[in-house]
Amino acid sequence: MSVRMDRENYDFLHEITKEEGSDLSKAVRDMVTRGRILLAVERYKKGEASLGGAAELAGVPVGQMMAILVEFGVESRLEKEDYLQGFRTCRGSGNHFPLQPSGVG
């Protein structure tokens, strides 16, 4: 696959690769990943994506998306009823939630 970009962006990525001791392909992949996360945060903030939708857009699990939103200072739009509905859905699917993770104490 090849990607076309302007000289300024190429120079920027080239500098990043030198600083991090990596290659251009890795720098481009990292930037795409970061861009996906920023787009997901933006859409969630605007109400254009649900938590699950934002997680899918960012390419991360919902729990990680929640942590990312906290890092960005984005308040949750989940209401108590949303949480309870999700919990009921998980319980109804036969999933069991121990009080402690297995192997703990």
Protein backbone atom coordinates (compact mmCIF):
# COMPACT_ATOMS: atom_id res chain seq x y z
CA MET A 1 0.00 0.00 0.00
CA SER A 2 1.24 3.48 -0.67
CA VAL A 3 0.08 6.78 0.77
CA ARG A 4 0.46 10.24 -0.72
CA MET A 5 0.98 13.20 1.59
CA ASP A 6 2.30 16.71 1.43
CA ARG A 7 5.94 17.44 2.20
CA GLU A 8 5.23 19.06 5.56
CA ASN A 9 3.47 15.96 6.91
CA TYR A 10 6.16 13.69 5.47
CA ASP A 11 8.86 15.76 7.18
CA PHE A 12 6.90 15.65 10.44
CA LEU A 13 6.59 11.86 10.31
CA HIS A 14 10.23 11.52 9.34
CA GLU A 15 11.22 13.53 12.45
CA ILE A 16 8.99 11.34 14.63
CA THR A 17 10.67 8.20 13.27
CA LYS A 18 14.11 9.59 14.08
CA GLU A 19 13.06 10.58 17.62
CA GLU A 20 11.47 7.21 18.32
CA GLY A 21 13.96 5.08 16.43
CA SER A 22 11.22 3.48 14.34
CA ASP A 23 10.27 3.42 10.69
CA LEU A 24 7.87 5.46 8.59
CA SER A 25 5.28 2.66 8.35
CA LYS A 26 5.06 2.38 12.13
CA ALA A 27 4.74 6.17 12.47
CA VAL A 28 1.87 6.22 9.98
CA ARG A 29 0.12 3.33 11.76
CA ASP A 30 0.52 5.11 15.11
CA MET A 31 -0.92 8.34 13.69
CA VAL A 32 -3.89 6.50 12.22
CA THR A 33 -4.54 4.81 15.57
CA ARG A 34 -4.35 8.16 17.38
CA GLY A 35 -6.61 9.72 14.77
CA ARG A 36 -9.21 7.00 15.26
CA ILE A 37 -9.18 7.61 18.99
CA LEU A 38 -9.51 11.38 18.60
CA LEU A 39 -12.35 10.96 16.11
CA ALA A 40 -14.13 8.60 18.49
CA VAL A 41 -13.73 11.04 21.41
CA GLU A 42 -15.02 13.90 19.25
CA ARG A 43 -18.07 11.97 18.06
CA TYR A 44 -18.88 10.76 21.57
CA LYS A 45 -18.64 14.32 22.94
CA LYS A 46 -20.98 15.61 20.23
CA GLY A 47 -23.47 12.80 20.87
CA GLU A 48 -22.84 11.37 17.40
CA ALA A 49 -21.59 8.03 18.79
CA SER A 50 -22.59 5.86 21.70
CA LEU A 51 -19.95 4.49 24.04
CA GLY A 52 -19.94 1.22 22.10
CA GLY A 53 -19.86 3.05 18.78
CA ALA A 54 -16.95 5.19 19.92
CA ALA A 55 -15.07 2.10 21.11
CA GLU A 56 -15.65 0.41 17.76
CA LEU A 57 -14.51 3.50 15.87
CA ALA A 58 -11.37 3.75 18.01
CA GLY A 59 -10.71 0.01 17.67
CA VAL A 60 -10.58 -0.58 21.44
CA PRO A 61 -12.72 -2.45 24.00
CA VAL A 62 -15.50 -0.47 25.71
CA GLY A 63 -13.66 -0.47 29.05
CA GLN A 64 -10.58 1.04 27.43
CA MET A 65 -12.75 3.62 25.66
CA MET A 66 -14.18 4.63 29.02
CA ALA A 67 -10.65 5.15 30.34
CA ILE A 68 -9.72 7.17 27.23
CA LEU A 69 -12.75 9.42 27.69
CA VAL A 70 -11.72 10.02 31.31
CA GLU A 71 -8.19 10.90 30.17
CA PHE A 72 -9.66 13.46 27.78
CA GLY A 73 -11.91 14.86 30.52
CA VAL A 74 -15.10 13.82 28.75
CA GLU A 75 -18.05 13.27 31.04
CA SER A 76 -20.04 10.09 30.66
CA ARG A 77 -23.44 10.38 29.03
CA LEU A 78 -24.53 7.10 30.58
CA GLU A 79 -27.52 7.37 32.84
CA LYS A 80 -28.18 5.00 35.70
CA GLU A 81 -30.86 3.23 33.65
CA ASP A 82 -28.39 2.66 30.77
CA TYR A 83 -25.99 1.01 33.20
CA LEU A 84 -28.72 -1.13 34.75
CA GLN A 85 -29.99 -2.21 31.32
CA GLY A 86 -26.47 -3.26 30.31
CA PHE A 87 -26.09 -5.17 33.55
CA ARG A 88 -29.44 -6.94 33.03
CA THR A 89 -28.44 -7.81 29.47
CA CYS A 90 -25.16 -9.34 30.64
CA ARG A 91 -26.87 -11.27 33.43
CA GLY A 92 -29.50 -12.54 31.00
CA SER A 93 -26.82 -13.90 28.69
CA GLY A 94 -25.64 -16.28 31.39
CA ASN A 95 -22.51 -14.35 32.29
CA HIS A 96 -21.62 -14.51 35.96
CA PHE A 97 -19.81 -11.72 37.71
CA PRO A 98 -17.86 -12.87 40.77
CA LEU A 99 -17.27 -10.40 43.54
CA GLN A 100 -13.54 -11.07 43.24
CA PRO A 101 -11.55 -12.11 40.19
CA SER A 102 -10.69 -15.80 40.21
CA GLY A 103 -7.45 -16.60 41.95
CA VAL A 104 -7.71 -13.63 44.32
CA GLY A 105 -7.78 -14.29 47.84
